[in-house]
Amino acid sequence: MNNNEKIARILYEIEILLKIKGVAFKPAAYRKAAKSLENLEKDISLIYKEKGIKGVKEIPGIGKSIAEKIEEYLKKDKIKYFEELKKETAIRQVVTHYFETKELSLEEIKRNAKKRKIIYSRFTRPAKQLLDLAGSVKKAKKAIDKVAKWAKSRNLDYAIETVFKKWLELDRLKPKEIVKKPYYQGNPMVWSETKRKWYVISPEGDWLEFAGKKEEIEWRIIK
């Protein structure tokens, strides 16, 4: 991954974190700058070496503030603003990720919060507890993912608190296995290993030899 891709990825992450924080206008500026870097044919480090920060500011879509952050990354391999933003939004990141596992986008969360369908503050305390327990946003998200996958496979609802309750079992939590079973015209089928043939089980329970084509067999997912 070259410098353009590395910095673009950081700018995209800043865009997301600013959206989570509820900041207006700025996210679009970071997205625009990230796209400019992605489309840049020359490595940004070479441009900076030749022209300094002036060369960075000459790139379409990159203003003074973002140019300074790019310069900081090229000099120190990190952006202080990004690191601070990650810490500042840590709890919100966990809450947002929890809702995303329930297939709610950030925009939907905000709309529902405004309509009082979601009391956002109700989730901040358990999110902080999970963050303290996990030790990092990344580990907290992984824990939520594991519980979400396990719960969904069993058609169970889950809350952030469910992650606490299942914390000691996280490594043992496994989603319910999804099995595909054969059917023909709505009737279940079985394979006879001894006769090497398919049979269709009639509603009366009789085994009828299947004389059709393999393409006619319907495979249904059984949870």
Protein backbone atom coordinates (compact mmCIF):
# COMPACT_ATOMS: atom_id res chain seq x y z
CA MET A 1 0.00 0.00 0.00
CA ASN A 2 1.52 3.35 -1.05
CA ASN A 3 1.33 6.65 0.85
CA ASN A 4 -1.64 7.84 -1.21
CA GLU A 5 -3.70 4.78 -0.22
CA LYS A 6 -2.59 4.89 3.44
CA ILE A 7 -3.46 8.56 3.89
CA ALA A 8 -6.71 8.23 1.89
CA ARG A 9 -7.79 5.42 4.22
CA ILE A 10 -7.13 7.61 7.26
CA LEU A 11 -9.08 10.50 5.71
CA TYR A 12 -12.04 8.20 5.03
CA GLU A 13 -11.91 7.04 8.67
CA ILE A 14 -11.85 10.66 9.85
CA GLU A 15 -14.92 11.28 7.67
CA ILE A 16 -16.78 8.42 9.41
CA LEU A 17 -15.70 9.51 12.90
CA LEU A 18 -16.84 13.08 12.24
CA LYS A 19 -20.21 11.76 11.08
CA ILE A 20 -20.49 9.66 14.25
CA LYS A 21 -19.64 12.78 16.24
CA GLY A 22 -22.39 14.68 14.42
CA VAL A 23 -20.16 17.26 12.73
CA ALA A 24 -21.61 18.89 9.61
CA PHE A 25 -19.79 19.77 6.33
CA LYS A 26 -16.31 18.61 7.43
CA PRO A 27 -16.88 14.91 6.59
CA ALA A 28 -17.51 15.78 2.94
CA ALA A 29 -14.21 17.71 2.79
CA TYR A 30 -12.27 14.69 4.07
CA ARG A 31 -14.04 12.37 1.63
CA LYS A 32 -13.21 14.72 -1.25
CA ALA A 33 -9.55 14.89 -0.21
CA ALA A 34 -9.37 11.10 0.14
CA LYS A 35 -10.73 10.61 -3.38
CA SER A 36 -8.20 13.11 -4.76
CA LEU A 37 -5.38 11.14 -3.18
CA GLU A 38 -6.74 7.88 -4.57
CA ASN A 39 -6.81 9.36 -8.07
CA LEU A 40 -3.33 10.84 -7.79
CA GLU A 41 -0.87 9.18 -10.18
CA LYS A 42 2.24 10.42 -8.35
CA ASP A 43 3.06 9.42 -4.77
CA ILE A 44 2.20 12.26 -2.39
CA SER A 45 5.58 11.89 -0.66
CA LEU A 46 7.37 12.75 -3.92
CA ILE A 47 5.16 15.80 -4.44
CA TYR A 48 5.92 16.92 -0.87
CA LYS A 49 9.65 16.33 -1.37
CA GLU A 50 9.67 18.47 -4.51
CA LYS A 51 7.34 21.31 -3.51
CA GLY A 52 6.67 20.99 0.22
CA ILE A 53 3.22 21.71 1.65
CA LYS A 54 2.58 24.13 -1.22
CA GLY A 55 2.57 21.16 -3.63
CA VAL A 56 0.11 19.28 -1.42
CA LYS A 57 -2.27 22.27 -1.35
CA GLU A 58 -2.15 22.43 -5.15
CA ILE A 59 -3.90 19.05 -5.35
CA PRO A 60 -7.62 19.56 -6.16
CA GLY A 61 -9.88 18.96 -3.14
CA ILE A 62 -7.13 19.42 -0.53
CA GLY A 63 -7.28 22.59 1.54
CA LYS A 64 -4.84 24.08 4.05
CA SER A 65 -6.04 22.15 7.12
CA ILE A 66 -5.99 18.72 5.46
CA ALA A 67 -2.69 19.51 3.71
CA GLU A 68 -1.12 20.16 7.12
CA LYS A 69 -2.39 16.79 8.36
CA ILE A 70 -0.94 15.07 5.29
CA GLU A 71 2.38 16.81 5.98
CA GLU A 72 2.23 15.62 9.59
CA TYR A 73 1.69 12.03 8.44
CA LEU A 74 4.60 12.20 6.00
CA LYS A 75 6.87 13.51 8.76
CA LYS A 76 5.65 11.49 11.76
CA ASP A 77 3.75 8.55 10.23
CA LYS A 78 0.62 9.53 12.16
CA ILE A 79 -1.96 12.31 12.47
CA LYS A 80 -2.57 13.59 15.99
CA TYR A 81 -6.08 14.85 15.12
CA PHE A 82 -7.06 11.35 13.95
CA GLU A 83 -5.72 9.71 17.12
CA GLU A 84 -7.59 12.21 19.31
CA LEU A 85 -10.78 11.77 17.29
CA LYS A 86 -10.64 7.99 17.74
CA LYS A 87 -10.36 8.38 21.52
CA GLU A 88 -13.05 11.06 21.66
CA THR A 89 -15.59 8.98 19.72
CA ALA A 90 -14.70 5.54 21.13
CA ILE A 91 -18.00 5.02 22.97
CA ARG A 92 -20.04 6.31 20.04
CA GLN A 93 -18.14 3.98 17.70
CA VAL A 94 -19.17 1.00 19.83
CA VAL A 95 -22.82 2.11 19.98
CA THR A 96 -22.89 2.78 16.23
CA HIS A 97 -21.35 -0.61 15.46
CA TYR A 98 -23.92 -2.31 17.69
CA PHE A 99 -26.75 -0.74 15.67
CA GLU A 100 -25.00 -1.56 12.39
CA THR A 101 -25.10 -5.26 13.33
CA LYS A 102 -28.85 -4.74 13.56
CA GLU A 103 -28.72 -3.35 10.00
CA LEU A 104 -29.33 0.26 11.02
CA SER A 105 -27.19 2.86 9.23
CA LEU A 106 -25.74 5.91 10.98
CA GLU A 107 -28.29 8.10 9.19
CA GLU A 108 -31.17 5.89 10.41
CA ILE A 109 -29.82 5.93 13.96
CA LYS A 110 -29.74 9.75 13.91
CA ARG A 111 -33.25 9.99 12.43
CA ASN A 112 -34.63 7.56 15.01
CA ALA A 113 -32.84 9.41 17.82
CA LYS A 114 -34.48 12.67 16.72
CA LYS A 115 -37.89 10.97 16.69
CA ARG A 116 -37.11 9.51 20.13
CA LYS A 117 -37.45 5.98 18.72
CA ILE A 118 -33.91 5.36 19.95
CA ILE A 119 -32.82 6.85 23.27
CA TYR A 120 -29.14 7.08 22.34
CA SER A 121 -27.96 7.92 25.85
CA ARG A 122 -29.42 4.63 27.08
CA PHE A 123 -26.65 2.80 25.18
CA THR A 124 -23.62 4.90 26.13
CA ARG A 125 -23.14 3.43 29.61
CA PRO A 126 -23.14 -0.27 28.55
CA ALA A 127 -20.95 0.69 25.57
CA LYS A 128 -18.41 2.25 27.95
CA GLN A 129 -18.52 -0.84 30.17
CA LEU A 130 -17.93 -3.06 27.14
CA LEU A 131 -15.08 -0.82 26.02
CA ASP A 132 -13.45 -1.05 29.45
CA LEU A 133 -13.92 -4.81 29.45
CA ALA A 134 -12.60 -5.34 25.91
CA GLY A 135 -9.73 -2.87 26.21
CA SER A 136 -10.14 -1.37 22.72
CA VAL A 137 -12.80 -0.37 20.20
CA LYS A 138 -11.58 -3.07 17.82
CA LYS A 139 -11.98 -5.85 20.42
CA ALA A 140 -15.36 -4.47 21.54
CA LYS A 141 -16.60 -4.56 17.93
CA LYS A 142 -15.34 -8.12 17.49
CA ALA A 143 -17.22 -9.17 20.64
CA ILE A 144 -20.43 -7.56 19.36
CA ASP A 145 -19.98 -9.26 15.97
CA LYS A 146 -19.59 -12.66 17.60
CA VAL A 147 -22.70 -12.27 19.76
CA ALA A 148 -24.68 -10.84 16.83
CA LYS A 149 -23.80 -13.77 14.56
CA TRP A 150 -24.63 -16.28 17.28
CA ALA A 151 -27.95 -14.60 18.18
CA LYS A 152 -29.10 -14.08 14.58
CA SER A 153 -28.53 -17.73 13.71
CA ARG A 154 -31.01 -18.58 16.47
CA ASN A 155 -33.44 -15.73 15.75
CA LEU A 156 -32.66 -14.20 19.15
CA ASP A 157 -32.59 -10.51 20.00
CA TYR A 158 -29.43 -9.16 21.60
CA ALA A 159 -28.36 -6.03 23.44
CA ILE A 160 -24.94 -4.64 24.28
CA GLU A 161 -25.54 -6.10 27.74
CA THR A 162 -25.80 -9.55 26.13
CA VAL A 163 -22.11 -9.21 25.28
CA PHE A 164 -21.31 -8.79 29.00
CA LYS A 165 -23.40 -11.83 29.91
CA LYS A 166 -21.72 -13.94 27.25
CA TRP A 167 -18.22 -12.50 27.75
CA LEU A 168 -16.71 -15.61 29.33
CA GLU A 169 -18.35 -17.76 26.63
CA LEU A 170 -17.33 -15.64 23.63
CA ASP A 171 -14.72 -18.09 22.37
CA ARG A 172 -17.24 -20.93 22.58
CA LEU A 173 -20.16 -19.12 20.92
CA LYS A 174 -20.85 -20.67 17.56
CA PRO A 175 -23.66 -19.72 15.16
CA LYS A 176 -26.25 -22.42 14.60
CA GLU A 177 -25.19 -24.50 11.65
CA ILE A 178 -27.06 -23.80 8.43
CA VAL A 179 -27.92 -27.01 6.59
CA LYS A 180 -29.17 -27.40 3.02
CA LYS A 181 -31.67 -30.22 2.46
CA PRO A 182 -33.00 -31.56 -0.84
CA TYR A 183 -36.65 -31.31 -1.92
CA TYR A 184 -38.59 -32.26 -5.03
CA GLN A 185 -41.92 -30.53 -5.70
CA GLY A 186 -42.18 -29.67 -2.01
CA ASN A 187 -41.43 -33.20 -0.78
CA PRO A 188 -38.22 -34.04 1.12
CA MET A 189 -35.62 -36.32 -0.46
CA VAL A 190 -33.08 -38.81 0.86
CA TRP A 191 -29.97 -40.33 -0.70
CA SER A 192 -29.48 -44.08 -0.41
CA GLU A 193 -25.76 -44.82 -0.18
CA THR A 194 -26.28 -48.55 -0.75
CA LYS A 195 -28.41 -48.15 -3.90
CA ARG A 196 -26.72 -44.92 -5.00
CA LYS A 197 -30.10 -43.38 -5.74
CA TRP A 198 -32.25 -40.46 -4.67
CA TYR A 199 -35.70 -41.12 -3.19
CA VAL A 200 -38.59 -38.73 -2.72
CA ILE A 201 -40.54 -39.14 0.52
CA SER A 202 -44.26 -38.84 -0.20
CA PRO A 203 -46.72 -37.23 2.27
CA GLU A 204 -47.71 -40.78 3.23
CA GLY A 205 -44.11 -41.63 4.08
CA ASP A 206 -43.37 -43.83 1.07
CA TRP A 207 -39.93 -43.76 -0.55
CA LEU A 208 -40.40 -43.15 -4.27
CA GLU A 209 -37.43 -43.56 -6.58
CA PHE A 210 -36.46 -40.23 -8.10
CA ALA A 211 -36.34 -40.44 -11.90
CA GLY A 212 -35.86 -36.75 -12.61
CA LYS A 213 -32.77 -34.68 -13.31
CA LYS A 214 -30.38 -33.29 -10.69
CA GLU A 215 -31.29 -29.75 -11.75
CA GLU A 216 -34.88 -30.42 -10.58
CA ILE A 217 -33.75 -30.94 -6.99
CA GLU A 218 -34.42 -27.89 -4.83
CA TRP A 219 -31.98 -27.27 -2.00
CA ARG A 220 -33.57 -25.46 0.93
CA ILE A 221 -31.66 -23.86 3.79
CA ILE A 222 -32.75 -25.32 7.12
CA LYS A 223 -31.62 -23.53 10.26
